[in-house]
Amino acid sequence: MIALTSTSSWEVPVKSYAVHLLFHALTLLCGAALGLAGTLWWATGNVPAGWAAFAALLLGIAVLVLQWRHITASAPRSRPTRGPRPGTRPELGATAVQRYDDPAGAPTRRG
């Protein structure tokens, strides 16, 4: 059973899986058309077959570009990382968080 709760960043979300498969099918179709037309052009010298092979190549490239744009548009956006603020000590960043839940461990004026 497929878990729909979370997906990692490299997995294709389930809701766009049909679009992903459509892009694969179109790419395979363009590749088959290119191979068939290219073979006809190479073996027989048929000029329209050469143009059909060229058109299938361009269409295949266009499908791959559209697939790339679809994947990058559906990818989660990450927030830009910022460097340390001026005047802060990097060794005392977010990794050295102190908790004062215990009243005995609370800071005093003397340190």
PDB file of N, CA and C in Angstrom:
ATOM      1  N   MET A   1       0.837  -1.174   0.000  1.00  0.00           N
ATOM      2  CA  MET A   1       0.000   0.000   0.000  1.00  0.00           C
ATOM      3  C   MET A   1       0.884   1.241   0.000  1.00  0.00           C
ATOM      4  N   ILE A   2       0.503   2.247  -0.714  1.00  0.00           N
ATOM      5  CA  ILE A   2       1.293   3.469  -0.843  1.00  0.00           C
ATOM      6  C   ILE A   2       0.888   4.431   0.262  1.00  0.00           C
ATOM      7  N   ALA A   3       1.890   4.956   0.960  1.00  0.00           N
ATOM      8  CA  ALA A   3       1.626   5.947   2.006  1.00  0.00           C
ATOM      9  C   ALA A   3       1.523   7.324   1.363  1.00  0.00           C
ATOM     10  N   LEU A   4       0.433   7.996   1.594  1.00  0.00           N
ATOM     11  CA  LEU A   4       0.212   9.312   0.994  1.00  0.00           C
ATOM     12  C   LEU A   4       0.577  10.443   1.945  1.00  0.00           C
ATOM     13  N   THR A   5       1.097  10.119   3.120  1.00  0.00           N
ATOM     14  CA  THR A   5       1.335  11.157   4.108  1.00  0.00           C
ATOM     15  C   THR A   5       2.547  12.015   3.770  1.00  0.00           C
ATOM     16  N   SER A   6       3.650  11.389   3.384  1.00  0.00           N
ATOM     17  CA  SER A   6       4.828  12.196   3.088  1.00  0.00           C
ATOM     18  C   SER A   6       5.649  11.507   2.017  1.00  0.00           C
ATOM     19  N   THR A   7       6.349  12.320   1.249  1.00  0.00           N
ATOM     20  CA  THR A   7       7.270  11.816   0.250  1.00  0.00           C
ATOM     21  C   THR A   7       8.586  12.539   0.433  1.00  0.00           C
ATOM     22  N   SER A   8       9.664  11.866   0.127  1.00  0.00           N
ATOM     23  CA  SER A   8      10.958  12.531   0.215  1.00  0.00           C
ATOM     24  C   SER A   8      11.129  13.443  -0.997  1.00  0.00           C
ATOM     25  N   SER A   9      12.186  14.238  -0.985  1.00  0.00           N
ATOM     26  CA  SER A   9      12.357  15.255  -2.020  1.00  0.00           C
ATOM     27  C   SER A   9      12.648  14.658  -3.393  1.00  0.00           C
ATOM     28  N   TRP A  10      13.151  13.433  -3.475  1.00  0.00           N
ATOM     29  CA  TRP A  10      13.482  12.861  -4.774  1.00  0.00           C
ATOM     30  C   TRP A  10      12.359  12.037  -5.361  1.00  0.00           C
ATOM     31  N   GLU A  11      11.300  11.767  -4.610  1.00  0.00           N
ATOM     32  CA  GLU A  11      10.186  10.980  -5.112  1.00  0.00           C
ATOM     33  C   GLU A  11       9.193  11.856  -5.862  1.00  0.00           C
ATOM     34  N   VAL A  12       8.503  11.253  -6.809  1.00  0.00           N
ATOM     35  CA  VAL A  12       7.461  11.956  -7.546  1.00  0.00           C
ATOM     36  C   VAL A  12       6.185  11.888  -6.720  1.00  0.00           C
ATOM     37  N   PRO A  13       5.535  13.019  -6.450  1.00  0.00           N
ATOM     38  CA  PRO A  13       4.287  12.954  -5.694  1.00  0.00           C
ATOM     39  C   PRO A  13       3.248  12.125  -6.423  1.00  0.00           C
ATOM     40  N   VAL A  14       2.377  11.478  -5.674  1.00  0.00           N
ATOM     41  CA  VAL A  14       1.403  10.558  -6.249  1.00  0.00           C
ATOM     42  C   VAL A  14       0.427  11.290  -7.161  1.00  0.00           C
ATOM     43  N   LYS A  15       0.072  12.518  -6.825  1.00  0.00           N
ATOM     44  CA  LYS A  15      -0.932  13.221  -7.622  1.00  0.00           C
ATOM     45  C   LYS A  15      -0.427  13.589  -9.019  1.00  0.00           C
ATOM     46  N   SER A  16       0.885  13.713  -9.214  1.00  0.00           N
ATOM     47  CA  SER A  16       1.395  14.042 -10.544  1.00  0.00           C
ATOM     48  C   SER A  16       2.054  12.836 -11.207  1.00  0.00           C
ATOM     49  N   TYR A  17       1.810  11.642 -10.700  1.00  0.00           N
ATOM     50  CA  TYR A  17       2.431  10.451 -11.270  1.00  0.00           C
ATOM     51  C   TYR A  17       1.886  10.156 -12.664  1.00  0.00           C
ATOM     52  N   ALA A  18       0.613  10.444 -12.898  1.00  0.00           N
ATOM     53  CA  ALA A  18       0.035  10.225 -14.226  1.00  0.00           C
ATOM     54  C   ALA A  18       0.699  11.134 -15.257  1.00  0.00           C
ATOM     55  N   VAL A  19       0.986  12.377 -14.870  1.00  0.00           N
ATOM     56  CA  VAL A  19       1.672  13.295 -15.781  1.00  0.00           C
ATOM     57  C   VAL A  19       3.088  12.800 -16.043  1.00  0.00           C
ATOM     58  N   HIS A  20       3.726  12.274 -15.020  1.00  0.00           N
ATOM     59  CA  HIS A  20       5.074  11.733 -15.165  1.00  0.00           C
ATOM     60  C   HIS A  20       5.081  10.560 -16.157  1.00  0.00           C
ATOM     61  N   LEU A  21       4.114   9.669 -16.028  1.00  0.00           N
ATOM     62  CA  LEU A  21       4.019   8.548 -16.961  1.00  0.00           C
ATOM     63  C   LEU A  21       3.680   9.009 -18.380  1.00  0.00           C
ATOM     64  N   LEU A  22       2.868  10.052 -18.497  1.00  0.00           N
ATOM     65  CA  LEU A  22       2.537  10.599 -19.811  1.00  0.00           C
ATOM     66  C   LEU A  22       3.791  11.127 -20.502  1.00  0.00           C
ATOM     67  N   PHE A  23       4.640  11.823 -19.757  1.00  0.00           N
ATOM     68  CA  PHE A  23       5.881  12.315 -20.337  1.00  0.00           C
ATOM     69  C   PHE A  23       6.780  11.163 -20.787  1.00  0.00           C
ATOM     70  N   HIS A  24       6.823  10.087 -19.994  1.00  0.00           N
ATOM     71  CA  HIS A  24       7.621   8.934 -20.410  1.00  0.00           C
ATOM     72  C   HIS A  24       7.068   8.316 -21.694  1.00  0.00           C
ATOM     73  N   ALA A  25       5.754   8.189 -21.770  1.00  0.00           N
ATOM     74  CA  ALA A  25       5.141   7.590 -22.962  1.00  0.00           C
ATOM     75  C   ALA A  25       5.391   8.459 -24.201  1.00  0.00           C
ATOM     76  N   LEU A  26       5.273   9.774 -24.051  1.00  0.00           N
ATOM     77  CA  LEU A  26       5.523  10.660 -25.192  1.00  0.00           C
ATOM     78  C   LEU A  26       6.983  10.617 -25.628  1.00  0.00           C
ATOM     79  N   THR A  27       7.888  10.530 -24.669  1.00  0.00           N
ATOM     80  CA  THR A  27       9.308  10.446 -25.019  1.00  0.00           C
ATOM     81  C   THR A  27       9.605   9.141 -25.744  1.00  0.00           C
ATOM     82  N   LEU A  28       9.032   8.032 -25.288  1.00  0.00           N
ATOM     83  CA  LEU A  28       9.233   6.753 -25.976  1.00  0.00           C
ATOM     84  C   LEU A  28       8.637   6.776 -27.380  1.00  0.00           C
ATOM     85  N   LEU A  29       7.475   7.394 -27.525  1.00  0.00           N
ATOM     86  CA  LEU A  29       6.843   7.496 -28.838  1.00  0.00           C
ATOM     87  C   LEU A  29       7.694   8.326 -29.797  1.00  0.00           C
ATOM     88  N   CYS A  30       8.223   9.441 -29.313  1.00  0.00           N
ATOM     89  CA  CYS A  30       9.091  10.270 -30.162  1.00  0.00           C
ATOM     90  C   CYS A  30      10.368   9.524 -30.528  1.00  0.00           C
ATOM     91  N   GLY A  31      10.907   8.755 -29.586  1.00  0.00           N
ATOM     92  CA  GLY A  31      12.113   7.981 -29.886  1.00  0.00           C
ATOM     93  C   GLY A  31      11.858   6.904 -30.924  1.00  0.00           C
ATOM     94  N   ALA A  32      10.713   6.241 -30.824  1.00  0.00           N
ATOM     95  CA  ALA A  32      10.377   5.215 -31.814  1.00  0.00           C
ATOM     96  C   ALA A  32      10.156   5.839 -33.192  1.00  0.00           C
ATOM     97  N   ALA A  33       9.475   6.984 -33.226  1.00  0.00           N
ATOM     98  CA  ALA A  33       9.252   7.664 -34.514  1.00  0.00           C
ATOM     99  C   ALA A  33      10.571   8.133 -35.113  1.00  0.00           C
ATOM    100  N   LEU A  34      11.454   8.624 -34.273  1.00  0.00           N
ATOM    101  CA  LEU A  34      12.762   9.061 -34.756  1.00  0.00           C
ATOM    102  C   LEU A  34      13.550   7.880 -35.313  1.00  0.00           C
ATOM    103  N   GLY A  35      13.521   6.762 -34.598  1.00  0.00           N
ATOM    104  CA  GLY A  35      14.253   5.590 -35.073  1.00  0.00           C
ATOM    105  C   GLY A  35      13.714   5.050 -36.384  1.00  0.00           C
ATOM    106  N   LEU A  36      12.400   4.970 -36.502  1.00  0.00           N
ATOM    107  CA  LEU A  36      11.792   4.448 -37.727  1.00  0.00           C
ATOM    108  C   LEU A  36      12.042   5.382 -38.913  1.00  0.00           C
ATOM    109  N   ALA A  37      11.775   6.678 -38.715  1.00  0.00           N
ATOM    110  CA  ALA A  37      11.963   7.623 -39.818  1.00  0.00           C
ATOM    111  C   ALA A  37      13.437   7.769 -40.172  1.00  0.00           C
ATOM    112  N   GLY A  38      14.306   7.749 -39.165  1.00  0.00           N
ATOM    113  CA  GLY A  38      15.740   7.841 -39.435  1.00  0.00           C
ATOM    114  C   GLY A  38      16.254   6.636 -40.209  1.00  0.00           C
ATOM    115  N   THR A  39      15.729   5.460 -39.875  1.00  0.00           N
ATOM    116  CA  THR A  39      16.121   4.250 -40.609  1.00  0.00           C
ATOM    117  C   THR A  39      15.646   4.309 -42.056  1.00  0.00           C
ATOM    118  N   LEU A  40      14.401   4.764 -42.255  1.00  0.00           N
ATOM    119  CA  LEU A  40      13.891   4.894 -43.627  1.00  0.00           C
ATOM    120  C   LEU A  40      14.714   5.897 -44.424  1.00  0.00           C
ATOM    121  N   TRP A  41      15.083   6.995 -43.807  1.00  0.00           N
ATOM    122  CA  TRP A  41      15.866   8.013 -44.497  1.00  0.00           C
ATOM    123  C   TRP A  41      17.264   7.481 -44.813  1.00  0.00           C
ATOM    124  N   TRP A  42      17.882   6.784 -43.854  1.00  0.00           N
ATOM    125  CA  TRP A  42      19.237   6.302 -44.050  1.00  0.00           C
ATOM    126  C   TRP A  42      19.297   5.177 -45.091  1.00  0.00           C
ATOM    127  N   ALA A  43      18.311   4.257 -45.014  1.00  0.00           N
ATOM    128  CA  ALA A  43      18.359   3.081 -45.891  1.00  0.00           C
ATOM    129  C   ALA A  43      17.891   3.391 -47.309  1.00  0.00           C
ATOM    130  N   THR A  44      16.851   4.211 -47.440  1.00  0.00           N
ATOM    131  CA  THR A  44      16.279   4.425 -48.769  1.00  0.00           C
ATOM    132  C   THR A  44      16.573   5.802 -49.337  1.00  0.00           C
ATOM    133  N   GLY A  45      17.029   6.724 -48.517  1.00  0.00           N
ATOM    134  CA  GLY A  45      17.269   8.075 -49.004  1.00  0.00           C
ATOM    135  C   GLY A  45      15.996   8.870 -49.182  1.00  0.00           C
ATOM    136  N   ASN A  46      14.937   8.467 -48.530  1.00  0.00           N
ATOM    137  CA  ASN A  46      13.646   9.140 -48.620  1.00  0.00           C
ATOM    138  C   ASN A  46      13.728  10.471 -47.868  1.00  0.00           C
ATOM    139  N   VAL A  47      13.610  11.580 -48.598  1.00  0.00           N
ATOM    140  CA  VAL A  47      13.764  12.912 -48.010  1.00  0.00           C
ATOM    141  C   VAL A  47      12.651  13.232 -47.010  1.00  0.00           C
ATOM    142  N   PRO A  48      11.374  12.952 -47.293  1.00  0.00           N
ATOM    143  CA  PRO A  48      10.354  13.228 -46.277  1.00  0.00           C
ATOM    144  C   PRO A  48      10.570  12.432 -44.977  1.00  0.00           C
ATOM    145  N   ALA A  49      11.137  11.237 -45.072  1.00  0.00           N
ATOM    146  CA  ALA A  49      11.435  10.474 -43.861  1.00  0.00           C
ATOM    147  C   ALA A  49      12.521  11.175 -43.045  1.00  0.00           C
ATOM    148  N   GLY A  50      13.480  11.799 -43.711  1.00  0.00           N
ATOM    149  CA  GLY A  50      14.509  12.567 -43.007  1.00  0.00           C
ATOM    150  C   GLY A  50      13.927  13.746 -42.268  1.00  0.00           C
ATOM    151  N   TRP A  51      12.988  14.447 -42.929  1.00  0.00           N
ATOM    152  CA  TRP A  51      12.335  15.573 -42.255  1.00  0.00           C
ATOM    153  C   TRP A  51      11.454  15.101 -41.100  1.00  0.00           C
ATOM    154  N   ALA A  52      10.831  13.941 -41.269  1.00  0.00           N
ATOM    155  CA  ALA A  52      10.029  13.390 -40.174  1.00  0.00           C
ATOM    156  C   ALA A  52      10.912  13.003 -38.992  1.00  0.00           C
ATOM    157  N   ALA A  53      12.104  12.471 -39.272  1.00  0.00           N
ATOM    158  CA  ALA A  53      13.038  12.136 -38.202  1.00  0.00           C
ATOM    159  C   ALA A  53      13.497  13.393 -37.467  1.00  0.00           C
ATOM    160  N   PHE A  54      13.762  14.439 -38.222  1.00  0.00           N
ATOM    161  CA  PHE A  54      14.171  15.707 -37.616  1.00  0.00           C
ATOM    162  C   PHE A  54      13.046  16.286 -36.756  1.00  0.00           C
ATOM    163  N   ALA A  55      11.805  16.221 -37.248  1.00  0.00           N
ATOM    164  CA  ALA A  55      10.664  16.721 -36.485  1.00  0.00           C
ATOM    165  C   ALA A  55      10.447  15.896 -35.213  1.00  0.00           C
ATOM    166  N   ALA A  56      10.631  14.574 -35.298  1.00  0.00           N
ATOM    167  CA  ALA A  56      10.485  13.723 -34.115  1.00  0.00           C
ATOM    168  C   ALA A  56      11.567  14.032 -33.093  1.00  0.00           C
ATOM    169  N   LEU A  57      12.771  14.330 -33.562  1.00  0.00           N
ATOM    170  CA  LEU A  57      13.851  14.711 -32.646  1.00  0.00           C
ATOM    171  C   LEU A  57      13.519  16.004 -31.921  1.00  0.00           C
ATOM    172  N   LEU A  58      13.052  17.007 -32.665  1.00  0.00           N
ATOM    173  CA  LEU A  58      12.691  18.277 -32.034  1.00  0.00           C
ATOM    174  C   LEU A  58      11.525  18.113 -31.061  1.00  0.00           C
ATOM    175  N   LEU A  59      10.551  17.313 -31.443  1.00  0.00           N
ATOM    176  CA  LEU A  59       9.413  17.072 -30.552  1.00  0.00           C
ATOM    177  C   LEU A  59       9.844  16.333 -29.291  1.00  0.00           C
ATOM    178  N   GLY A  60      10.743  15.373 -29.429  1.00  0.00           N
ATOM    179  CA  GLY A  60      11.255  14.659 -28.258  1.00  0.00           C
ATOM    180  C   GLY A  60      12.012  15.572 -27.311  1.00  0.00           C
ATOM    181  N   ILE A  61      12.815  16.473 -27.873  1.00  0.00           N
ATOM    182  CA  ILE A  61      13.529  17.445 -27.040  1.00  0.00           C
ATOM    183  C   ILE A  61      12.541  18.365 -26.338  1.00  0.00           C
ATOM    184  N   ALA A  62      11.506  18.789 -27.033  1.00  0.00           N
ATOM    185  CA  ALA A  62      10.485  19.651 -26.423  1.00  0.00           C
ATOM    186  C   ALA A  62       9.769  18.927 -25.284  1.00  0.00           C
ATOM    187  N   VAL A  63       9.476  17.639 -25.453  1.00  0.00           N
ATOM    188  CA  VAL A  63       8.820  16.872 -24.383  1.00  0.00           C
ATOM    189  C   VAL A  63       9.733  16.767 -23.167  1.00  0.00           C
ATOM    190  N   LEU A  64      11.026  16.541 -23.389  1.00  0.00           N
ATOM    191  CA  LEU A  64      11.957  16.456 -22.268  1.00  0.00           C
ATOM    192  C   LEU A  64      12.095  17.791 -21.538  1.00  0.00           C
ATOM    193  N   VAL A  65      12.084  18.898 -22.286  1.00  0.00           N
ATOM    194  CA  VAL A  65      12.138  20.221 -21.651  1.00  0.00           C
ATOM    195  C   VAL A  65      10.864  20.466 -20.837  1.00  0.00           C
ATOM    196  N   LEU A  66       9.715  20.089 -21.389  1.00  0.00           N
ATOM    197  CA  LEU A  66       8.461  20.251 -20.640  1.00  0.00           C
ATOM    198  C   LEU A  66       8.454  19.386 -19.386  1.00  0.00           C
ATOM    199  N   GLN A  67       8.997  18.190 -19.466  1.00  0.00           N
ATOM    200  CA  GLN A  67       9.064  17.333 -18.281  1.00  0.00           C
ATOM    201  C   GLN A  67       9.976  17.950 -17.228  1.00  0.00           C
ATOM    202  N   TRP A  68      11.107  18.493 -17.639  1.00  0.00           N
ATOM    203  CA  TRP A  68      12.010  19.147 -16.702  1.00  0.00           C
ATOM    204  C   TRP A  68      11.336  20.336 -16.017  1.00  0.00           C
ATOM    205  N   ARG A  69      10.607  21.129 -16.802  1.00  0.00           N
ATOM    206  CA  ARG A  69       9.907  22.282 -16.214  1.00  0.00           C
ATOM    207  C   ARG A  69       8.809  21.842 -15.265  1.00  0.00           C
ATOM    208  N   HIS A  70       8.122  20.754 -15.580  1.00  0.00           N
ATOM    209  CA  HIS A  70       7.075  20.240 -14.705  1.00  0.00           C
ATOM    210  C   HIS A  70       7.673  19.750 -13.382  1.00  0.00           C
ATOM    211  N   ILE A  71       8.812  19.062 -13.455  1.00  0.00           N
ATOM    212  CA  ILE A  71       9.443  18.557 -12.241  1.00  0.00           C
ATOM    213  C   ILE A  71       9.948  19.704 -11.380  1.00  0.00           C
ATOM    214  N   THR A  72      10.566  20.708 -11.989  1.00  0.00           N
ATOM    215  CA  THR A  72      11.081  21.824 -11.194  1.00  0.00           C
ATOM    216  C   THR A  72       9.951  22.685 -10.652  1.00  0.00           C
ATOM    217  N   ALA A  73       8.823  22.759 -11.344  1.00  0.00           N
ATOM    218  CA  ALA A  73       7.702  23.554 -10.836  1.00  0.00           C
ATOM    219  C   ALA A  73       7.000  22.856  -9.684  1.00  0.00           C
ATOM    220  N   SER A  74       6.986  21.516  -9.677  1.00  0.00           N
ATOM    221  CA  SER A  74       6.307  20.804  -8.607  1.00  0.00           C
ATOM    222  C   SER A  74       7.217  20.493  -7.437  1.00  0.00           C
ATOM    223  N   ALA A  75       8.512  20.802  -7.543  1.00  0.00           N
ATOM    224  CA  ALA A  75       9.443  20.546  -6.444  1.00  0.00           C
ATOM    225  C   ALA A  75       9.206  21.556  -5.334  1.00  0.00           C
ATOM    226  N   PRO A  76       9.339  21.131  -4.083  1.00  0.00           N
ATOM    227  CA  PRO A  76       9.151  22.081  -2.980  1.00  0.00           C
ATOM    228  C   PRO A  76      10.248  23.129  -2.982  1.00  0.00           C
ATOM    229  N   ARG A  77       9.856  24.344  -2.706  1.00  0.00           N
ATOM    230  CA  ARG A  77      10.803  25.448  -2.681  1.00  0.00           C
ATOM    231  C   ARG A  77      11.509  25.466  -1.331  1.00  0.00           C
ATOM    232  N   SER A  78      12.819  25.579  -1.366  1.00  0.00           N
ATOM    233  CA  SER A  78      13.566  25.701  -0.122  1.00  0.00           C
ATOM    234  C   SER A  78      13.871  27.169   0.124  1.00  0.00           C
ATOM    235  N   ARG A  79      13.866  27.519   1.387  1.00  0.00           N
ATOM    236  CA  ARG A  79      14.179  28.899   1.720  1.00  0.00           C
ATOM    237  C   ARG A  79      15.670  29.141   1.546  1.00  0.00           C
ATOM    238  N   PRO A  80      16.036  30.333   1.119  1.00  0.00           N
ATOM    239  CA  PRO A  80      17.464  30.606   0.952  1.00  0.00           C
ATOM    240  C   PRO A  80      18.167  30.583   2.308  1.00  0.00           C
ATOM    241  N   THR A  81      19.361  30.036   2.310  1.00  0.00           N
ATOM    242  CA  THR A  81      20.118  29.990   3.548  1.00  0.00           C
ATOM    243  C   THR A  81      20.859  31.300   3.730  1.00  0.00           C
ATOM    244  N   ARG A  82      20.843  31.747   4.956  1.00  0.00           N
ATOM    245  CA  ARG A  82      21.544  32.988   5.266  1.00  0.00           C
ATOM    246  C   ARG A  82      22.772  32.651   6.089  1.00  0.00           C
ATOM    247  N   GLY A  83      23.773  33.447   5.943  1.00  0.00           N
ATOM    248  CA  GLY A  83      24.979  33.279   6.735  1.00  0.00           C
ATOM    249  C   GLY A  83      24.748  33.785   8.150  1.00  0.00           C
ATOM    250  N   PRO A  84      25.752  33.676   8.988  1.00  0.00           N
ATOM    251  CA  PRO A  84      25.584  34.162  10.363  1.00  0.00           C
ATOM    252  C   PRO A  84      25.417  35.675  10.382  1.00  0.00           C
ATOM    253  N   ARG A  85      24.638  36.136  11.339  1.00  0.00           N
ATOM    254  CA  ARG A  85      24.445  37.579  11.471  1.00  0.00           C
ATOM    255  C   ARG A  85      25.740  38.216  11.959  1.00  0.00           C
ATOM    256  N   PRO A  86      25.989  39.436  11.548  1.00  0.00           N
ATOM    257  CA  PRO A  86      27.208  40.092  12.016  1.00  0.00           C
ATOM    258  C   PRO A  86      27.144  40.305  13.527  1.00  0.00           C
ATOM    259  N   GLY A  87      28.263  40.065  14.183  1.00  0.00           N
ATOM    260  CA  GLY A  87      28.333  40.267  15.621  1.00  0.00           C
ATOM    261  C   GLY A  87      27.951  39.045  16.440  1.00  0.00           C
ATOM    262  N   THR A  88      27.654  37.913  15.817  1.00  0.00           N
ATOM    263  CA  THR A  88      27.334  36.706  16.565  1.00  0.00           C
ATOM    264  C   THR A  88      28.493  35.737  16.471  1.00  0.00           C
ATOM    265  N   ARG A  89      28.567  34.878  17.444  1.00  0.00           N
ATOM    266  CA  ARG A  89      29.613  33.862  17.455  1.00  0.00           C
ATOM    267  C   ARG A  89      29.053  32.598  16.822  1.00  0.00           C
ATOM    268  N   PRO A  90      29.627  32.101  15.728  1.00  0.00           N
ATOM    269  CA  PRO A  90      29.055  30.939  15.048  1.00  0.00           C
ATOM    270  C   PRO A  90      29.084  29.671  15.894  1.00  0.00           C
ATOM    271  N   GLU A  91      30.043  29.533  16.839  1.00  0.00           N
ATOM    272  CA  GLU A  91      30.080  28.318  17.631  1.00  0.00           C
ATOM    273  C   GLU A  91      28.954  28.261  18.658  1.00  0.00           C
ATOM    274  N   LEU A  92      28.274  29.368  18.903  1.00  0.00           N
ATOM    275  CA  LEU A  92      27.145  29.383  19.823  1.00  0.00           C
ATOM    276  C   LEU A  92      25.838  29.562  19.068  1.00  0.00           C
ATOM    277  N   GLY A  93      25.741  28.919  17.930  1.00  0.00           N
ATOM    278  CA  GLY A  93      24.544  29.040  17.095  1.00  0.00           C
ATOM    279  C   GLY A  93      23.398  28.215  17.645  1.00  0.00           C
ATOM    280  N   ALA A  94      22.540  27.753  16.767  1.00  0.00           N
ATOM    281  CA  ALA A  94      21.325  27.036  17.150  1.00  0.00           C
ATOM    282  C   ALA A  94      21.619  25.654  17.719  1.00  0.00           C
ATOM    283  N   THR A  95      22.840  25.141  17.551  1.00  0.00           N
ATOM    284  CA  THR A  95      23.138  23.803  18.063  1.00  0.00           C
ATOM    285  C   THR A  95      23.395  23.810  19.561  1.00  0.00           C
ATOM    286  N   ALA A  96      23.718  24.939  20.150  1.00  0.00           N
ATOM    287  CA  ALA A  96      24.022  25.008  21.577  1.00  0.00           C
ATOM    288  C   ALA A  96      22.874  25.667  22.332  1.00  0.00           C
ATOM    289  N   VAL A  97      21.688  25.120  22.207  1.00  0.00           N
ATOM    290  CA  VAL A  97      20.518  25.683  22.880  1.00  0.00           C
ATOM    291  C   VAL A  97      20.489  25.188  24.316  1.00  0.00           C
ATOM    292  N   GLN A  98      20.341  26.104  25.259  1.00  0.00           N
ATOM    293  CA  GLN A  98      20.235  25.739  26.673  1.00  0.00           C
ATOM    294  C   GLN A  98      18.788  25.889  27.098  1.00  0.00           C
ATOM    295  N   ARG A  99      18.334  24.923  27.875  1.00  0.00           N
ATOM    296  CA  ARG A  99      16.956  24.975  28.371  1.00  0.00           C
ATOM    297  C   ARG A  99      16.997  25.180  29.869  1.00  0.00           C
ATOM    298  N   TYR A 100      16.147  26.045  30.377  1.00  0.00           N
ATOM    299  CA  TYR A 100      16.083  26.345  31.801  1.00  0.00           C
ATOM    300  C   TYR A 100      14.716  25.978  32.350  1.00  0.00           C
ATOM    301  N   ASP A 101      14.311  24.734  32.123  1.00  0.00           N
ATOM    302  CA  ASP A 101      13.037  24.282  32.665  1.00  0.00           C
ATOM    303  C   ASP A 101      13.135  24.018  34.160  1.00  0.00           C
ATOM    304  N   ASP A 102      14.301  23.623  34.618  1.00  0.00           N
ATOM    305  CA  ASP A 102      14.505  23.326  36.030  1.00  0.00           C
ATOM    306  C   ASP A 102      14.857  24.620  36.759  1.00  0.00           C
ATOM    307  N   PRO A 103      14.122  24.973  37.822  1.00  0.00           N
ATOM    308  CA  PRO A 103      14.438  26.231  38.521  1.00  0.00           C
ATOM    309  C   PRO A 103      15.825  26.230  39.142  1.00  0.00           C
ATOM    310  N   ALA A 104      16.371  25.063  39.485  1.00  0.00           N
ATOM    311  CA  ALA A 104      17.707  25.030  40.063  1.00  0.00           C
ATOM    312  C   ALA A 104      18.766  25.366  39.033  1.00  0.00           C
ATOM    313  N   GLY A 105      18.478  25.119  37.770  1.00  0.00           N
ATOM    314  CA  GLY A 105      19.460  25.392  36.717  1.00  0.00           C
ATOM    315  C   GLY A 105      19.263  26.750  36.076  1.00  0.00           C
ATOM    316  N   ALA A 106      18.374  27.568  36.588  1.00  0.00           N
ATOM    317  CA  ALA A 106      18.141  28.889  36.002  1.00  0.00           C
ATOM    318  C   ALA A 106      19.327  29.791  36.237  1.00  0.00           C
ATOM    319  N   PRO A 107      19.634  30.675  35.295  1.00  0.00           N
ATOM    320  CA  PRO A 107      20.797  31.563  35.471  1.00  0.00           C
ATOM    321  C   PRO A 107      20.532  32.592  36.577  1.00  0.00           C
ATOM    322  N   THR A 108      21.581  32.954  37.238  1.00  0.00           N
ATOM    323  CA  THR A 108      21.506  33.986  38.287  1.00  0.00           C
ATOM    324  C   THR A 108      22.281  35.196  37.853  1.00  0.00           C
ATOM    325  N   ARG A 109      22.265  36.246  38.670  1.00  0.00           N
ATOM    326  CA  ARG A 109      23.009  37.445  38.315  1.00  0.00           C
ATOM    327  C   ARG A 109      24.509  37.206  38.367  1.00  0.00           C
ATOM    328  N   ARG A 110      24.931  36.270  39.189  1.00  0.00           N
ATOM    329  CA  ARG A 110      26.375  36.037  39.338  1.00  0.00           C
ATOM    330  C   ARG A 110      26.907  35.114  38.230  1.00  0.00           C
ATOM    331  N   GLY A 111      26.038  34.509  37.472  1.00  0.00           N
ATOM    332  CA  GLY A 111      26.498  33.709  36.342  1.00  0.00           C
ATOM    333  C   GLY A 111      26.319  32.296  36.601  1.00  0.00           C
TER     334      GLY A 111
END
